C-alpha atoms as a PDB file:
ATOM      1  CA  MET A   1      76.901  39.129  11.576  1.00  0.00           C
ATOM      2  CA  SER A   2      74.896  40.506  14.509  1.00  0.00           C
ATOM      3  CA  ARG A   3      75.419  39.198  18.009  1.00  0.00           C
ATOM      4  CA  TRP A   4      71.782  37.998  18.100  1.00  0.00           C
ATOM      5  CA  ARG A   5      72.184  36.055  14.937  1.00  0.00           C
ATOM      6  CA  ARG A   6      75.480  34.581  16.281  1.00  0.00           C
ATOM      7  CA  SER A   7      73.863  33.518  19.446  1.00  0.00           C
ATOM      8  CA  VAL A   8      70.999  31.852  17.582  1.00  0.00           C
ATOM      9  CA  ASP A   9      73.472  29.922  15.413  1.00  0.00           C
ATOM     10  CA  GLU A  10      75.567  28.846  18.337  1.00  0.00           C
ATOM     11  CA  LEU A  11      72.365  27.636  20.136  1.00  0.00           C
ATOM     12  CA  ALA A  12      71.294  25.657  17.057  1.00  0.00           C
ATOM     13  CA  ALA A  13      74.753  24.116  16.758  1.00  0.00           C
ATOM     14  CA  ARG A  14      74.707  23.033  20.375  1.00  0.00           C
ATOM     15  CA  ARG A  15      71.211  21.472  20.064  1.00  0.00           C
ATOM     16  CA  ARG A  16      72.410  19.652  16.896  1.00  0.00           C
ATOM     17  CA  GLN A  17      75.453  18.242  18.764  1.00  0.00           C
ATOM     18  CA  GLN A  18      73.271  17.225  21.684  1.00  0.00           C
ATOM     19  CA  GLY A  19      71.018  15.355  19.307  1.00  0.00           C
ATOM     20  CA  GLU A  20      74.030  13.572  17.919  1.00  0.00           C
ATOM     21  CA  CYS A  21      75.205  12.681  21.342  1.00  0.00           C
ATOM     22  CA  GLU A  22      71.780  11.414  22.353  1.00  0.00           C
ATOM     23  CA  ARG A  23      71.798   9.077  19.356  1.00  0.00           C
ATOM     24  CA  ALA A  24      75.266   7.952  19.999  1.00  0.00           C
ATOM     25  CA  GLN A  25      74.440   7.309  23.722  1.00  0.00           C
ATOM     26  CA  GLU A  26      71.522   5.129  22.568  1.00  0.00           C
ATOM     27  CA  ALA A  27      73.775   3.341  20.068  1.00  0.00           C
ATOM     28  CA  LEU A  28      76.445   2.808  22.720  1.00  0.00           C
ATOM     29  CA  SER A  29      73.871   1.232  25.077  1.00  0.00           C
ATOM     30  CA  ARG A  30      72.833  -1.184  22.500  1.00  0.00           C
ATOM     31  CA  VAL A  31      76.439  -2.196  21.451  1.00  0.00           C
ATOM     32  CA  THR A  32      77.517  -2.632  25.054  1.00  0.00           C
ATOM     33  CA  SER A  33      74.394  -4.687  25.844  1.00  0.00           C
ATOM     34  CA  CYS A  34      75.166  -6.962  22.846  1.00  0.00           C
ATOM     35  CA  PHE A  35      78.754  -7.323  23.993  1.00  0.00           C
ATOM     36  CA  GLN A  36      77.569  -8.325  27.454  1.00  0.00           C
ATOM     37  CA  GLN A  37      75.517 -11.128  25.831  1.00  0.00           C
ATOM     38  CA  LEU A  38      78.456 -12.224  23.830  1.00  0.00           C
ATOM     39  CA  VAL A  39      80.604 -12.348  26.891  1.00  0.00           C
ATOM     40  CA  ALA A  40      78.079 -14.573  28.584  1.00  0.00           C
ATOM     41  CA  SER A  41      78.731 -17.322  25.977  1.00  0.00           C
ATOM     42  CA  LEU A  42      82.471 -17.367  26.595  1.00  0.00           C
ATOM     43  CA  GLY A  43      83.678 -20.727  27.893  1.00  0.00           C
ATOM     44  CA  SER A  44      80.359 -22.400  27.122  1.00  0.00           C
ATOM     45  CA  SER A  45      79.505 -24.861  24.310  1.00  0.00           C
ATOM     46  CA  ALA A  46      78.533 -21.882  22.204  1.00  0.00           C
ATOM     47  CA  ASP A  47      82.108 -20.516  22.271  1.00  0.00           C
ATOM     48  CA  CYS A  48      83.851 -20.516  18.920  1.00  0.00           C
ATOM     49  CA  SER A  49      86.068 -18.530  16.606  1.00  0.00           C
ATOM     50  CA  PHE A  50      83.009 -16.685  15.248  1.00  0.00           C
ATOM     51  CA  LEU A  51      82.031 -15.610  18.762  1.00  0.00           C
ATOM     52  CA  ARG A  52      85.534 -14.245  19.374  1.00  0.00           C
ATOM     53  CA  ASP A  53      85.527 -12.315  16.032  1.00  0.00           C
ATOM     54  CA  GLU A  54      82.127 -10.850  16.776  1.00  0.00           C
ATOM     55  CA  MET A  55      83.302  -9.753  20.221  1.00  0.00           C
ATOM     56  CA  ASP A  56      86.304  -7.976  18.612  1.00  0.00           C
ATOM     57  CA  GLU A  57      84.082  -6.204  16.001  1.00  0.00           C
ATOM     58  CA  THR A  58      81.513  -5.156  18.733  1.00  0.00           C
ATOM     59  CA  ARG A  59      84.314  -3.923  20.946  1.00  0.00           C
ATOM     60  CA  ALA A  60      85.800  -1.879  18.062  1.00  0.00           C
ATOM     61  CA  LEU A  61      82.453  -0.319  17.409  1.00  0.00           C
ATOM     62  CA  ALA A  62      82.034   0.603  21.068  1.00  0.00           C
ATOM     63  CA  HIS A  63      85.615   2.053  21.121  1.00  0.00           C
ATOM     64  CA  ARG A  64      84.829   4.399  18.247  1.00  0.00           C
ATOM     65  CA  ILE A  65      81.522   5.464  19.765  1.00  0.00           C
ATOM     66  CA  CYS A  66      83.196   6.214  23.159  1.00  0.00           C
ATOM     67  CA  SER A  67      86.063   8.162  21.577  1.00  0.00           C
ATOM     68  CA  GLY A  68      83.756  10.419  19.659  1.00  0.00           C
ATOM     69  CA  LEU A  69      81.172  10.815  22.446  1.00  0.00           C
ATOM     70  CA  SER A  70      83.697  11.724  25.101  1.00  0.00           C
ATOM     71  CA  ARG A  71      85.159  14.519  22.968  1.00  0.00           C
ATOM     72  CA  ARG A  72      81.817  15.934  22.061  1.00  0.00           C
ATOM     73  CA  LEU A  73      80.468  15.838  25.622  1.00  0.00           C
ATOM     74  CA  VAL A  74      83.636  17.555  26.942  1.00  0.00           C
ATOM     75  CA  ARG A  75      83.233  20.309  24.286  1.00  0.00           C
ATOM     76  CA  LEU A  76      79.511  20.756  25.094  1.00  0.00           C
ATOM     77  CA  LEU A  77      80.055  21.130  28.786  1.00  0.00           C
ATOM     78  CA  SER A  78      83.004  23.373  28.390  1.00  0.00           C
ATOM     79  CA  ASP A  79      81.109  25.795  25.938  1.00  0.00           C
ATOM     80  CA  CYS A  80      77.989  26.242  28.071  1.00  0.00           C
ATOM     81  CA  ASP A  81      77.504  29.797  29.314  1.00  0.00           C
ATOM     82  CA  SER A  82      75.641  31.322  32.284  1.00  0.00           C
ATOM     83  CA  ALA A  83      72.600  32.437  30.287  1.00  0.00           C
ATOM     84  CA  PRO A  84      69.286  30.788  30.941  1.00  0.00           C
ATOM     85  CA  SER A  85      69.452  28.857  27.698  1.00  0.00           C
ATOM     86  CA  GLY A  86      73.046  27.869  28.500  1.00  0.00           C
ATOM     87  CA  VAL A  87      71.968  26.548  31.932  1.00  0.00           C
ATOM     88  CA  GLU A  88      69.296  24.424  30.280  1.00  0.00           C
ATOM     89  CA  ASP A  89      71.737  23.096  27.700  1.00  0.00           C
ATOM     90  CA  ARG A  90      74.223  22.215  30.412  1.00  0.00           C
ATOM     91  CA  GLN A  91      71.618  20.278  32.347  1.00  0.00           C
ATOM     92  CA  VAL A  92      70.854  18.221  29.246  1.00  0.00           C
ATOM     93  CA  SER A  93      74.600  17.669  28.631  1.00  0.00           C
ATOM     94  CA  GLU A  94      75.194  16.769  32.226  1.00  0.00           C
ATOM     95  CA  ARG A  95      72.515  14.050  31.994  1.00  0.00           C
ATOM     96  CA  LEU A  96      74.155  12.634  28.887  1.00  0.00           C
ATOM     97  CA  TRP A  97      77.416  12.902  30.790  1.00  0.00           C
ATOM     98  CA  VAL A  98      76.210  10.747  33.696  1.00  0.00           C
ATOM     99  CA  LEU A  99      74.621   8.195  31.362  1.00  0.00           C
ATOM    100  CA  PHE A 100      77.807   7.963  29.388  1.00  0.00           C
ATOM    101  CA  LEU A 101      80.057   7.353  32.491  1.00  0.00           C
ATOM    102  CA  SER A 102      77.579   4.773  33.830  1.00  0.00           C
ATOM    103  CA  VAL A 103      77.666   2.831  30.509  1.00  0.00           C
ATOM    104  CA  LEU A 104      81.497   3.079  30.516  1.00  0.00           C
ATOM    105  CA  GLU A 105      81.708   1.526  33.988  1.00  0.00           C
ATOM    106  CA  ASN A 106      79.438  -1.334  33.052  1.00  0.00           C
ATOM    107  CA  PHE A 107      81.372  -1.829  29.734  1.00  0.00           C
ATOM    108  CA  LEU A 108      84.610  -1.874  31.659  1.00  0.00           C
ATOM    109  CA  SER A 109      83.288  -4.539  33.947  1.00  0.00           C
ATOM    110  CA  ASP A 110      82.354  -6.694  30.940  1.00  0.00           C
ATOM    111  CA  LEU A 111      85.776  -6.176  29.317  1.00  0.00           C
ATOM    112  CA  ARG A 112      87.462  -7.387  32.478  1.00  0.00           C
ATOM    113  CA  LYS A 113      85.223 -10.431  32.578  1.00  0.00           C
ATOM    114  CA  ALA A 114      86.039 -11.184  28.904  1.00  0.00           C
ATOM    115  CA  ARG A 115      89.713 -10.862  29.531  1.00  0.00           C
ATOM    116  CA  ASP A 116      89.560 -13.390  32.377  1.00  0.00           C
ATOM    117  CA  LEU A 117      87.379 -15.875  30.510  1.00  0.00           C
ATOM    118  CA  ILE A 118      89.539 -15.640  27.379  1.00  0.00           C
ATOM    119  CA  GLY A 119      92.510 -16.364  29.502  1.00  0.00           C
ATOM    120  CA  GLN A 120      90.826 -19.504  30.941  1.00  0.00           C
ATOM    121  CA  PHE A 121      89.480 -20.659  27.543  1.00  0.00           C
ATOM    122  CA  PRO A 122      92.147 -19.637  24.968  1.00  0.00           C
ATOM    123  CA  LEU A 123      90.684 -21.739  22.073  1.00  0.00           C
ATOM    124  CA  THR A 124      94.126 -21.633  20.366  1.00  0.00           C
ATOM    125  CA  GLN A 125      94.022 -25.305  19.537  1.00  0.00           C
ATOM    126  CA  ARG A 126      91.217 -27.685  18.584  1.00  0.00           C
ATOM    127  CA  TYR A 127      91.771 -29.758  21.742  1.00  0.00           C
ATOM    128  CA  ASP A 128      91.019 -26.587  23.854  1.00  0.00           C
ATOM    129  CA  ARG A 129      87.320 -27.123  23.121  1.00  0.00           C
ATOM    130  CA  ARG A 130      87.356 -30.060  25.479  1.00  0.00           C
ATOM    131  CA  SER A 131      87.574 -27.670  28.434  1.00  0.00           C
ATOM    132  CA  LEU A 132      84.445 -25.789  27.429  1.00  0.00           C
ATOM    133  CA  VAL A 133      81.379 -26.028  29.725  1.00  0.00           C
ATOM    134  CA  ASN A 134      78.627 -27.982  27.971  1.00  0.00           C
ATOM    135  CA  THR A 135      75.748 -25.725  28.685  1.00  0.00           C
ATOM    136  CA  GLY A 136      73.596 -27.024  25.728  1.00  0.00           C
ATOM    137  CA  CYS A 137      73.327 -23.541  24.358  1.00  0.00           C
ATOM    138  CA  MET A 138      74.555 -23.497  20.692  1.00  0.00           C
ATOM    139  CA  ASP A 139      72.651 -20.603  19.170  1.00  0.00           C
ATOM    140  CA  GLY A 140      71.848 -16.974  19.805  1.00  0.00           C
ATOM    141  CA  VAL A 141      75.318 -15.621  18.776  1.00  0.00           C
ATOM    142  CA  VAL A 142      74.199 -14.899  15.227  1.00  0.00           C
ATOM    143  CA  GLY A 143      71.149 -12.953  16.391  1.00  0.00           C
ATOM    144  CA  VAL A 144      73.254 -10.715  18.686  1.00  0.00           C
ATOM    145  CA  ALA A 145      75.797 -10.182  15.910  1.00  0.00           C
ATOM    146  CA  ALA A 146      72.907  -9.059  13.554  1.00  0.00           C
ATOM    147  CA  ARG A 147      71.735  -6.544  16.179  1.00  0.00           C
ATOM    148  CA  VAL A 148      75.223  -5.021  16.398  1.00  0.00           C
ATOM    149  CA  ALA A 149      75.371  -4.763  12.637  1.00  0.00           C
ATOM    150  CA  LEU A 150      72.169  -2.641  12.606  1.00  0.00           C
ATOM    151  CA  VAL A 151      73.514   0.008  14.999  1.00  0.00           C
ATOM    152  CA  GLN A 152      74.293   3.321  13.312  1.00  0.00           C
ATOM    153  CA  VAL A 153      76.179   6.331  14.742  1.00  0.00           C
ATOM    154  CA  PRO A 154      76.310   9.742  13.117  1.00  0.00           C
ATOM    155  CA  TRP A 155      80.056  10.267  12.992  1.00  0.00           C
ATOM    156  CA  LEU A 156      81.485   6.744  12.533  1.00  0.00           C
ATOM    157  CA  THR A 157      81.985   7.364   8.750  1.00  0.00           C
ATOM    158  CA  LEU A 158      84.244  10.378   9.537  1.00  0.00           C
ATOM    159  CA  GLU A 159      86.158   8.924  12.533  1.00  0.00           C
ATOM    160  CA  GLU A 160      87.644   5.585  11.758  1.00  0.00           C
ATOM    161  CA  GLU A 161      90.109   4.681  14.620  1.00  0.00           C
ATOM    162  CA  PRO A 162      92.054   1.525  14.963  1.00  0.00           C
ATOM    163  CA  SER A 163      90.852  -0.617  17.806  1.00  0.00           C
ATOM    164  CA  PRO A 164      93.268  -1.619  20.600  1.00  0.00           C
ATOM    165  CA  ASP A 165      93.611  -5.041  21.848  1.00  0.00           C
ATOM    166  CA  LEU A 166      91.588  -6.158  24.881  1.00  0.00           C
ATOM    167  CA  THR A 167      94.240  -5.337  27.532  1.00  0.00           C
ATOM    168  CA  ASN A 168      94.951  -1.877  26.033  1.00  0.00           C
ATOM    169  CA  HIS A 169      91.271  -1.237  25.593  1.00  0.00           C
ATOM    170  CA  ILE A 170      90.646  -1.684  29.274  1.00  0.00           C
ATOM    171  CA  ALA A 171      93.636   0.591  30.152  1.00  0.00           C
ATOM    172  CA  GLY A 172      92.384   3.159  27.707  1.00  0.00           C
ATOM    173  CA  LEU A 173      88.887   3.316  29.071  1.00  0.00           C
ATOM    174  CA  GLU A 174      90.191   3.513  32.654  1.00  0.00           C
ATOM    175  CA  SER A 175      92.301   6.460  31.555  1.00  0.00           C
ATOM    176  CA  MET A 176      89.359   8.018  29.771  1.00  0.00           C
ATOM    177  CA  LEU A 177      87.207   7.809  32.747  1.00  0.00           C
ATOM    178  CA  SER A 178      89.772   9.456  35.062  1.00  0.00           C
ATOM    179  CA  GLU A 179      90.514  12.280  32.492  1.00  0.00           C
ATOM    180  CA  MET A 180      86.832  13.068  31.882  1.00  0.00           C
ATOM    181  CA  GLN A 181      86.068  13.268  35.603  1.00  0.00           C
ATOM    182  CA  LEU A 182      88.932  15.584  36.143  1.00  0.00           C
ATOM    183  CA  ARG A 183      88.255  17.907  33.132  1.00  0.00           C
ATOM    184  CA  VAL A 184      84.468  18.170  33.822  1.00  0.00           C
ATOM    185  CA  PRO A 185      83.720  17.591  37.545  1.00  0.00           C
ATOM    186  CA  VAL A 186      79.976  16.791  37.413  1.00  0.00           C
ATOM    187  CA  ALA A 187      78.615  15.208  40.595  1.00  0.00           C
ATOM    188  CA  PHE A 188      76.259  12.338  39.872  1.00  0.00           C
ATOM    189  CA  TRP A 189      73.977  13.297  42.819  1.00  0.00           C
ATOM    190  CA  SER A 190      73.487  16.817  41.382  1.00  0.00           C
ATOM    191  CA  VAL A 191      71.942  15.648  38.095  1.00  0.00           C
ATOM    192  CA  GLU A 192      68.167  15.206  38.211  1.00  0.00           C
ATOM    193  CA  ALA A 193      66.282  12.729  36.119  1.00  0.00           C
ATOM    194  CA  THR A 194      63.630  13.982  33.707  1.00  0.00           C
ATOM    195  CA  GLN A 195      61.268  11.003  33.908  1.00  0.00           C
ATOM    196  CA  PRO A 196      60.142   8.668  36.734  1.00  0.00           C
ATOM    197  CA  ALA A 197      61.992   5.489  37.424  1.00  0.00           C
ATOM    198  CA  TRP A 198      61.300   2.482  35.220  1.00  0.00           C
ATOM    199  CA  ALA A 199      59.059   4.517  32.886  1.00  0.00           C
ATOM    200  CA  GLU A 200      60.107   2.421  29.901  1.00  0.00           C
ATOM    201  CA  ALA A 201      59.077  -0.790  31.670  1.00  0.00           C
ATOM    202  CA  ARG A 202      55.692   0.508  32.844  1.00  0.00           C
ATOM    203  CA  CYS A 203      54.624   2.120  29.600  1.00  0.00           C
ATOM    204  CA  GLY A 204      53.819  -1.144  27.970  1.00  0.00           C
ATOM    205  CA  LEU A 205      51.899  -2.612  30.765  1.00  0.00           C
ATOM    206  CA  ASP A 206      48.102  -2.420  30.696  1.00  0.00           C
ATOM    207  CA  GLU A 207      46.198  -1.668  33.913  1.00  0.00           C
ATOM    208  CA  PRO A 208      44.459  -4.838  35.182  1.00  0.00           C
ATOM    209  CA  ASP A 209      40.629  -4.879  35.039  1.00  0.00           C
ATOM    210  CA  ASP A 210      40.319  -6.328  38.538  1.00  0.00           C
ATOM    211  CA  SER A 211      41.842  -5.046  41.731  1.00  0.00           C
ATOM    212  CA  LEU A 212      43.974  -7.218  43.986  1.00  0.00           C
ATOM    213  CA  GLU A 213      41.089  -7.649  46.351  1.00  0.00           C
ATOM    214  CA  ASP A 214      38.817  -8.894  43.535  1.00  0.00           C
ATOM    215  CA  LEU A 215      41.528 -11.346  42.397  1.00  0.00           C
ATOM    216  CA  MET A 216      42.029 -12.765  45.842  1.00  0.00           C
ATOM    217  CA  GLU A 217      38.316 -12.909  46.748  1.00  0.00           C
ATOM    218  CA  VAL A 218      37.394 -16.473  47.577  1.00  0.00           C
ATOM    219  CA  GLU A 219      33.836 -17.769  47.202  1.00  0.00           C
ATOM    220  CA  VAL A 220      32.678 -19.382  50.280  1.00  0.00           C
ATOM    221  CA  VAL A 221      30.351 -22.365  49.666  1.00  0.00           C
ATOM    222  CA  SER A 222      28.233 -23.358  52.595  1.00  0.00           C
ATOM    223  CA  ASN A 223      27.779 -26.922  53.610  1.00  0.00           C
ATOM    224  CA  ASN A 224      24.188 -27.086  52.594  1.00  0.00           C
ATOM    225  CA  LYS A 225      25.213 -26.577  48.978  1.00  0.00           C
ATOM    226  CA  MET A 226      27.519 -29.618  48.915  1.00  0.00           C
ATOM    227  CA  ALA A 227      26.287 -32.323  46.571  1.00  0.00           C
ATOM    228  CA  VAL A 228      26.886 -36.022  46.765  1.00  0.00           C
ATOM    229  CA  CYS A 229      30.582 -36.718  46.416  1.00  0.00           C
ATOM    230  CA  CYS A 230      31.675 -38.664  43.531  1.00  0.00           C
ATOM    231  CA  GLN A 231      34.735 -39.910  45.322  1.00  0.00           C
ATOM    232  CA  PRO A 232      34.871 -42.688  47.907  1.00  0.00           C
ATOM    233  CA  PRO A 233      33.529 -41.894  51.344  1.00  0.00           C
ATOM    234  CA  CYS A 234      36.976 -41.840  52.861  1.00  0.00           C
ATOM    235  CA  CYS A 235      38.238 -38.875  50.771  1.00  0.00           C
ATOM    236  CA  GLY A 236      36.744 -36.273  53.027  1.00  0.00           C
ATOM    237  CA  LEU A 237      35.926 -33.976  50.080  1.00  0.00           C
ATOM    238  CA  GLY A 238      32.606 -32.990  48.635  1.00  0.00           C
ATOM    239  CA  CYS A 239      31.668 -31.954  45.115  1.00  0.00           C
ATOM    240  CA  VAL A 240      30.547 -28.399  44.662  1.00  0.00           C
ATOM    241  CA  GLY A 241      27.024 -28.310  43.364  1.00  0.00           C
END
């Protein structure tokens, strides 16, 4: 095989791996967001065994995504060369790297919160429900669980890993963060964004037809246009004619 053909194949393989990492990053963001919503129901009147089971399944799914994504990103950033195409690929991989580490830090915060709340509200006995906070929110958990079930990741069918318990999961993610930052030292400040801030939020907003000055313009009615007031004389108001 010629060197040119080998370079083309390697470039196509890297682009394919980057596409998988992008899809996995999107899936991880959805899963961790759902987990954050589930954690918000801990200790409330919506807390139950179903919620705890869904949290464990969501956490297990996030664990498998994190394990596969961390290995692939380390491999991508380690294999980038100094050629122009390699520099461009490294920039894409570095943006995925920063996004991944940011999601991991937020996920770690939610895991610690879940550990603390589960410790305060164990729900091991039926009488433990008396300590729950009556928030009046009894639904919403099923909808979050349904969104988690729809998440698909490219390599999950090939990499089935046992999920650790909550305490070991927190320790494992902390170790993963430290190891990744040591193996691939990418400074957050050196990674440039490719789109303006809040582009997703602004894309669905329509431009208003009227300017702010038009909306705040007040019509001044002169006194000679005031009609006879329909209220008692003591009200001090006139009816606009």
